[in-house]
Amino acid sequence: MCSVSVIHDYFQQRPAIKWDRDTLTEYQEIVRRLDALDKKLGEPPCDDPSKAAWMREVEKRLSLLERGGGAP
């Protein structure tokens, strides 16, 4: 199993995380670096549409909060 998948699973199971722009940026950097490591180690790509959708939802909710729109 690729490490990117593991990290997405871990964070999806922790709904109480207080996402802000800095946390999201750090998370995206971790995922980017883990993806590079997976490639270096020869792990197969592990793109998962449901995990990508979850990350888009986090980004969308954060954008709404930053604009003062509140949680959807």
PDB file of N, CA and C in Angstrom:
ATOM      1  N   MET A   1       0.853  -1.181   0.000  1.00  0.00           N
ATOM      2  CA  MET A   1       0.000   0.000   0.000  1.00  0.00           C
ATOM      3  C   MET A   1       0.893   1.237   0.000  1.00  0.00           C
ATOM      4  N   CYS A   2       0.537   2.198  -0.798  1.00  0.00           N
ATOM      5  CA  CYS A   2       1.348   3.413  -0.866  1.00  0.00           C
ATOM      6  C   CYS A   2       1.105   4.276   0.376  1.00  0.00           C
ATOM      7  N   SER A   3       2.103   5.045   0.733  1.00  0.00           N
ATOM      8  CA  SER A   3       2.014   5.863   1.940  1.00  0.00           C
ATOM      9  C   SER A   3       1.010   7.007   1.784  1.00  0.00           C
ATOM     10  N   VAL A   4       0.785   7.490   0.571  1.00  0.00           N
ATOM     11  CA  VAL A   4      -0.203   8.543   0.348  1.00  0.00           C
ATOM     12  C   VAL A   4      -1.589   8.046   0.781  1.00  0.00           C
ATOM     13  N   SER A   5      -1.916   6.831   0.427  1.00  0.00           N
ATOM     14  CA  SER A   5      -3.211   6.262   0.793  1.00  0.00           C
ATOM     15  C   SER A   5      -3.352   6.148   2.309  1.00  0.00           C
ATOM     16  N   VAL A   6      -2.293   5.728   2.974  1.00  0.00           N
ATOM     17  CA  VAL A   6      -2.320   5.581   4.430  1.00  0.00           C
ATOM     18  C   VAL A   6      -2.588   6.922   5.102  1.00  0.00           C
ATOM     19  N   ILE A   7      -1.907   7.969   4.649  1.00  0.00           N
ATOM     20  CA  ILE A   7      -2.056   9.287   5.269  1.00  0.00           C
ATOM     21  C   ILE A   7      -3.462   9.843   5.030  1.00  0.00           C
ATOM     22  N   HIS A   8      -3.999   9.644   3.814  1.00  0.00           N
ATOM     23  CA  HIS A   8      -5.381  10.089   3.547  1.00  0.00           C
ATOM     24  C   HIS A   8      -6.352   9.337   4.457  1.00  0.00           C
ATOM     25  N   ASP A   9      -6.188   8.025   4.590  1.00  0.00           N
ATOM     26  CA  ASP A   9      -7.067   7.243   5.464  1.00  0.00           C
ATOM     27  C   ASP A   9      -7.019   7.765   6.898  1.00  0.00           C
ATOM     28  N   TYR A  10      -5.823   8.012   7.383  1.00  0.00           N
ATOM     29  CA  TYR A  10      -5.642   8.472   8.762  1.00  0.00           C
ATOM     30  C   TYR A  10      -6.380   9.791   9.002  1.00  0.00           C
ATOM     31  N   PHE A  11      -6.197  10.759   8.102  1.00  0.00           N
ATOM     32  CA  PHE A  11      -6.819  12.061   8.300  1.00  0.00           C
ATOM     33  C   PHE A  11      -8.323  12.031   8.058  1.00  0.00           C
ATOM     34  N   GLN A  12      -8.806  11.172   7.190  1.00  0.00           N
ATOM     35  CA  GLN A  12     -10.255  11.061   6.987  1.00  0.00           C
ATOM     36  C   GLN A  12     -10.949  10.524   8.234  1.00  0.00           C
ATOM     37  N   GLN A  13     -10.247   9.749   9.025  1.00  0.00           N
ATOM     38  CA  GLN A  13     -10.831   9.156  10.231  1.00  0.00           C
ATOM     39  C   GLN A  13     -10.727  10.082  11.436  1.00  0.00           C
ATOM     40  N   ARG A  14     -10.194  11.278  11.236  1.00  0.00           N
ATOM     41  CA  ARG A  14     -10.040  12.255  12.323  1.00  0.00           C
ATOM     42  C   ARG A  14     -10.852  13.507  12.006  1.00  0.00           C
ATOM     43  N   PRO A  15     -12.159  13.430  12.116  1.00  0.00           N
ATOM     44  CA  PRO A  15     -13.004  14.556  11.701  1.00  0.00           C
ATOM     45  C   PRO A  15     -12.875  15.802  12.581  1.00  0.00           C
ATOM     46  N   ALA A  16     -12.281  15.693  13.754  1.00  0.00           N
ATOM     47  CA  ALA A  16     -12.199  16.835  14.659  1.00  0.00           C
ATOM     48  C   ALA A  16     -11.021  17.765  14.346  1.00  0.00           C
ATOM     49  N   ILE A  17     -10.291  17.517  13.275  1.00  0.00           N
ATOM     50  CA  ILE A  17      -9.163  18.367  12.921  1.00  0.00           C
ATOM     51  C   ILE A  17      -9.666  19.769  12.587  1.00  0.00           C
ATOM     52  N   LYS A  18      -9.013  20.757  13.121  1.00  0.00           N
ATOM     53  CA  LYS A  18      -9.340  22.158  12.832  1.00  0.00           C
ATOM     54  C   LYS A  18      -8.510  22.589  11.629  1.00  0.00           C
ATOM     55  N   TRP A  19      -9.095  22.498  10.441  1.00  0.00           N
ATOM     56  CA  TRP A  19      -8.379  22.861   9.228  1.00  0.00           C
ATOM     57  C   TRP A  19      -8.290  24.370   9.108  1.00  0.00           C
ATOM     58  N   ASP A  20      -7.098  24.851   8.790  1.00  0.00           N
ATOM     59  CA  ASP A  20      -6.901  26.240   8.400  1.00  0.00           C
ATOM     60  C   ASP A  20      -5.942  26.214   7.207  1.00  0.00           C
ATOM     61  N   ARG A  21      -5.670  27.382   6.654  1.00  0.00           N
ATOM     62  CA  ARG A  21      -4.851  27.428   5.435  1.00  0.00           C
ATOM     63  C   ARG A  21      -3.451  26.833   5.671  1.00  0.00           C
ATOM     64  N   ASP A  22      -2.832  27.136   6.825  1.00  0.00           N
ATOM     65  CA  ASP A  22      -1.497  26.597   7.115  1.00  0.00           C
ATOM     66  C   ASP A  22      -1.519  25.078   7.237  1.00  0.00           C
ATOM     67  N   THR A  23      -2.528  24.548   7.925  1.00  0.00           N
ATOM     68  CA  THR A  23      -2.645  23.096   8.081  1.00  0.00           C
ATOM     69  C   THR A  23      -2.837  22.435   6.726  1.00  0.00           C
ATOM     70  N   LEU A  24      -3.695  23.005   5.898  1.00  0.00           N
ATOM     71  CA  LEU A  24      -3.936  22.444   4.573  1.00  0.00           C
ATOM     72  C   LEU A  24      -2.663  22.478   3.728  1.00  0.00           C
ATOM     73  N   THR A  25      -1.936  23.585   3.769  1.00  0.00           N
ATOM     74  CA  THR A  25      -0.700  23.707   2.997  1.00  0.00           C
ATOM     75  C   THR A  25       0.323  22.667   3.449  1.00  0.00           C
ATOM     76  N   GLU A  26       0.477  22.500   4.758  1.00  0.00           N
ATOM     77  CA  GLU A  26       1.413  21.496   5.278  1.00  0.00           C
ATOM     78  C   GLU A  26       0.974  20.088   4.879  1.00  0.00           C
ATOM     79  N   TYR A  27      -0.319  19.823   4.982  1.00  0.00           N
ATOM     80  CA  TYR A  27      -0.842  18.514   4.602  1.00  0.00           C
ATOM     81  C   TYR A  27      -0.553  18.224   3.125  1.00  0.00           C
ATOM     82  N   GLN A  28      -0.807  19.210   2.268  1.00  0.00           N
ATOM     83  CA  GLN A  28      -0.556  19.024   0.840  1.00  0.00           C
ATOM     84  C   GLN A  28       0.928  18.786   0.569  1.00  0.00           C
ATOM     85  N   GLU A  29       1.800  19.445   1.318  1.00  0.00           N
ATOM     86  CA  GLU A  29       3.242  19.234   1.160  1.00  0.00           C
ATOM     87  C   GLU A  29       3.632  17.819   1.588  1.00  0.00           C
ATOM     88  N   ILE A  30       3.060  17.351   2.677  1.00  0.00           N
ATOM     89  CA  ILE A  30       3.327  15.985   3.138  1.00  0.00           C
ATOM     90  C   ILE A  30       2.890  14.979   2.078  1.00  0.00           C
ATOM     91  N   VAL A  31       1.699  15.164   1.544  1.00  0.00           N
ATOM     92  CA  VAL A  31       1.189  14.251   0.515  1.00  0.00           C
ATOM     93  C   VAL A  31       2.077  14.294  -0.727  1.00  0.00           C
ATOM     94  N   ARG A  32       2.510  15.496  -1.120  1.00  0.00           N
ATOM     95  CA  ARG A  32       3.396  15.626  -2.284  1.00  0.00           C
ATOM     96  C   ARG A  32       4.713  14.880  -2.051  1.00  0.00           C
ATOM     97  N   ARG A  33       5.279  15.035  -0.863  1.00  0.00           N
ATOM     98  CA  ARG A  33       6.552  14.372  -0.564  1.00  0.00           C
ATOM     99  C   ARG A  33       6.386  12.861  -0.440  1.00  0.00           C
ATOM    100  N   LEU A  34       5.279  12.419   0.135  1.00  0.00           N
ATOM    101  CA  LEU A  34       5.027  10.975   0.223  1.00  0.00           C
ATOM    102  C   LEU A  34       4.825  10.378  -1.164  1.00  0.00           C
ATOM    103  N   ASP A  35       4.169  11.119  -2.051  1.00  0.00           N
ATOM    104  CA  ASP A  35       3.991  10.652  -3.423  1.00  0.00           C
ATOM    105  C   ASP A  35       5.360  10.473  -4.093  1.00  0.00           C
ATOM    106  N   ALA A  36       6.263  11.440  -3.881  1.00  0.00           N
ATOM    107  CA  ALA A  36       7.613  11.338  -4.443  1.00  0.00           C
ATOM    108  C   ALA A  36       8.348  10.124  -3.857  1.00  0.00           C
ATOM    109  N   LEU A  37       8.171   9.878  -2.563  1.00  0.00           N
ATOM    110  CA  LEU A  37       8.799   8.720  -1.926  1.00  0.00           C
ATOM    111  C   LEU A  37       8.233   7.424  -2.490  1.00  0.00           C
ATOM    112  N   ASP A  38       6.918   7.366  -2.635  1.00  0.00           N
ATOM    113  CA  ASP A  38       6.290   6.169  -3.200  1.00  0.00           C
ATOM    114  C   ASP A  38       6.867   5.868  -4.587  1.00  0.00           C
ATOM    115  N   LYS A  39       7.019   6.906  -5.405  1.00  0.00           N
ATOM    116  CA  LYS A  39       7.577   6.715  -6.745  1.00  0.00           C
ATOM    117  C   LYS A  39       9.014   6.207  -6.663  1.00  0.00           C
ATOM    118  N   LYS A  40       9.781   6.777  -5.750  1.00  0.00           N
ATOM    119  CA  LYS A  40      11.178   6.379  -5.578  1.00  0.00           C
ATOM    120  C   LYS A  40      11.285   4.915  -5.137  1.00  0.00           C
ATOM    121  N   LEU A  41      10.337   4.483  -4.310  1.00  0.00           N
ATOM    122  CA  LEU A  41      10.350   3.111  -3.796  1.00  0.00           C
ATOM    123  C   LEU A  41       9.661   2.122  -4.738  1.00  0.00           C
ATOM    124  N   GLY A  42       9.125   2.637  -5.834  1.00  0.00           N
ATOM    125  CA  GLY A  42       8.482   1.763  -6.806  1.00  0.00           C
ATOM    126  C   GLY A  42       7.084   1.322  -6.435  1.00  0.00           C
ATOM    127  N   GLU A  43       6.453   2.056  -5.539  1.00  0.00           N
ATOM    128  CA  GLU A  43       5.066   1.727  -5.182  1.00  0.00           C
ATOM    129  C   GLU A  43       4.154   2.092  -6.357  1.00  0.00           C
ATOM    130  N   PRO A  44       3.144   1.293  -6.601  1.00  0.00           N
ATOM    131  CA  PRO A  44       2.223   1.626  -7.694  1.00  0.00           C
ATOM    132  C   PRO A  44       1.393   2.859  -7.331  1.00  0.00           C
ATOM    133  N   PRO A  45       0.947   3.599  -8.346  1.00  0.00           N
ATOM    134  CA  PRO A  45       0.076   4.754  -8.063  1.00  0.00           C
ATOM    135  C   PRO A  45      -1.166   4.289  -7.304  1.00  0.00           C
ATOM    136  N   CYS A  46      -1.617   5.102  -6.398  1.00  0.00           N
ATOM    137  CA  CYS A  46      -2.765   4.693  -5.579  1.00  0.00           C
ATOM    138  C   CYS A  46      -3.840   5.763  -5.567  1.00  0.00           C
ATOM    139  N   ASP A  47      -4.042   6.411  -6.686  1.00  0.00           N
ATOM    140  CA  ASP A  47      -5.078   7.426  -6.767  1.00  0.00           C
ATOM    141  C   ASP A  47      -6.423   6.811  -6.415  1.00  0.00           C
ATOM    142  N   ASP A  48      -7.159   7.486  -5.554  1.00  0.00           N
ATOM    143  CA  ASP A  48      -8.464   7.011  -5.110  1.00  0.00           C
ATOM    144  C   ASP A  48      -9.451   8.165  -5.248  1.00  0.00           C
ATOM    145  N   PRO A  49     -10.416   8.042  -6.138  1.00  0.00           N
ATOM    146  CA  PRO A  49     -11.373   9.133  -6.355  1.00  0.00           C
ATOM    147  C   PRO A  49     -12.084   9.595  -5.082  1.00  0.00           C
ATOM    148  N   SER A  50     -12.388   8.681  -4.164  1.00  0.00           N
ATOM    149  CA  SER A  50     -13.090   9.086  -2.949  1.00  0.00           C
ATOM    150  C   SER A  50     -12.192   9.915  -2.037  1.00  0.00           C
ATOM    151  N   LYS A  51     -10.901   9.605  -2.021  1.00  0.00           N
ATOM    152  CA  LYS A  51      -9.972  10.383  -1.200  1.00  0.00           C
ATOM    153  C   LYS A  51      -9.735  11.759  -1.822  1.00  0.00           C
ATOM    154  N   ALA A  52      -9.685  11.819  -3.131  1.00  0.00           N
ATOM    155  CA  ALA A  52      -9.537  13.097  -3.819  1.00  0.00           C
ATOM    156  C   ALA A  52     -10.778  13.957  -3.580  1.00  0.00           C
ATOM    157  N   ALA A  53     -11.952  13.353  -3.593  1.00  0.00           N
ATOM    158  CA  ALA A  53     -13.200  14.083  -3.343  1.00  0.00           C
ATOM    159  C   ALA A  53     -13.226  14.618  -1.917  1.00  0.00           C
ATOM    160  N   TRP A  54     -12.736  13.822  -0.961  1.00  0.00           N
ATOM    161  CA  TRP A  54     -12.673  14.256   0.432  1.00  0.00           C
ATOM    162  C   TRP A  54     -11.770  15.489   0.561  1.00  0.00           C
ATOM    163  N   MET A  55     -10.613  15.467  -0.109  1.00  0.00           N
ATOM    164  CA  MET A  55      -9.688  16.589  -0.030  1.00  0.00           C
ATOM    165  C   MET A  55     -10.280  17.833  -0.680  1.00  0.00           C
ATOM    166  N   ARG A  56     -10.986  17.670  -1.787  1.00  0.00           N
ATOM    167  CA  ARG A  56     -11.654  18.811  -2.414  1.00  0.00           C
ATOM    168  C   ARG A  56     -12.714  19.398  -1.476  1.00  0.00           C
ATOM    169  N   GLU A  57     -13.410  18.544  -0.748  1.00  0.00           N
ATOM    170  CA  GLU A  57     -14.432  19.008   0.201  1.00  0.00           C
ATOM    171  C   GLU A  57     -13.780  19.806   1.340  1.00  0.00           C
ATOM    172  N   VAL A  58     -12.651  19.333   1.849  1.00  0.00           N
ATOM    173  CA  VAL A  58     -11.920  20.080   2.884  1.00  0.00           C
ATOM    174  C   VAL A  58     -11.536  21.456   2.342  1.00  0.00           C
ATOM    175  N   GLU A  59     -10.982  21.485   1.127  1.00  0.00           N
ATOM    176  CA  GLU A  59     -10.574  22.756   0.517  1.00  0.00           C
ATOM    177  C   GLU A  59     -11.771  23.691   0.319  1.00  0.00           C
ATOM    178  N   LYS A  60     -12.898  23.140  -0.134  1.00  0.00           N
ATOM    179  CA  LYS A  60     -14.105  23.933  -0.363  1.00  0.00           C
ATOM    180  C   LYS A  60     -14.619  24.537   0.946  1.00  0.00           C
ATOM    181  N   ARG A  61     -14.688  23.726   1.988  1.00  0.00           N
ATOM    182  CA  ARG A  61     -15.186  24.222   3.274  1.00  0.00           C
ATOM    183  C   ARG A  61     -14.260  25.286   3.856  1.00  0.00           C
ATOM    184  N   LEU A  62     -12.961  25.078   3.709  1.00  0.00           N
ATOM    185  CA  LEU A  62     -12.004  26.057   4.200  1.00  0.00           C
ATOM    186  C   LEU A  62     -12.165  27.381   3.448  1.00  0.00           C
ATOM    187  N   SER A  63     -12.325  27.315   2.148  1.00  0.00           N
ATOM    188  CA  SER A  63     -12.527  28.533   1.346  1.00  0.00           C
ATOM    189  C   SER A  63     -13.784  29.264   1.782  1.00  0.00           C
ATOM    190  N   LEU A  64     -14.857  28.532   2.044  1.00  0.00           N
ATOM    191  CA  LEU A  64     -16.099  29.161   2.503  1.00  0.00           C
ATOM    192  C   LEU A  64     -15.905  29.852   3.853  1.00  0.00           C
ATOM    193  N   LEU A  65     -15.194  29.185   4.752  1.00  0.00           N
ATOM    194  CA  LEU A  65     -14.946  29.785   6.067  1.00  0.00           C
ATOM    195  C   LEU A  65     -14.086  31.031   5.945  1.00  0.00           C
ATOM    196  N   GLU A  66     -13.094  30.996   5.075  1.00  0.00           N
ATOM    197  CA  GLU A  66     -12.216  32.153   4.904  1.00  0.00           C
ATOM    198  C   GLU A  66     -12.970  33.354   4.311  1.00  0.00           C
ATOM    199  N   ARG A  67     -13.983  33.085   3.516  1.00  0.00           N
ATOM    200  CA  ARG A  67     -14.783  34.164   2.934  1.00  0.00           C
ATOM    201  C   ARG A  67     -15.905  34.608   3.871  1.00  0.00           C
ATOM    202  N   GLY A  68     -16.004  33.949   5.022  1.00  0.00           N
ATOM    203  CA  GLY A  68     -17.036  34.321   5.987  1.00  0.00           C
ATOM    204  C   GLY A  68     -18.376  33.690   5.707  1.00  0.00           C
ATOM    205  N   GLY A  69     -18.381  32.627   4.889  1.00  0.00           N
ATOM    206  CA  GLY A  69     -19.635  31.992   4.529  1.00  0.00           C
ATOM    207  C   GLY A  69     -20.108  30.960   5.522  1.00  0.00           C
ATOM    208  N   GLY A  70     -19.298  30.630   6.508  1.00  0.00           N
ATOM    209  CA  GLY A  70     -19.683  29.614   7.473  1.00  0.00           C
ATOM    210  C   GLY A  70     -19.563  28.228   6.893  1.00  0.00           C
ATOM    211  N   ALA A  71     -19.813  27.239   7.710  1.00  0.00           N
ATOM    212  CA  ALA A  71     -19.716  25.839   7.281  1.00  0.00           C
ATOM    213  C   ALA A  71     -20.940  25.477   6.454  1.00  0.00           C
ATOM    214  N   PRO A  72     -20.732  24.724   5.350  1.00  0.00           N
ATOM    215  CA  PRO A  72     -21.884  24.316   4.533  1.00  0.00           C
ATOM    216  C   PRO A  72     -22.753  23.307   5.236  1.00  0.00           C
TER     217      PRO A  72
END
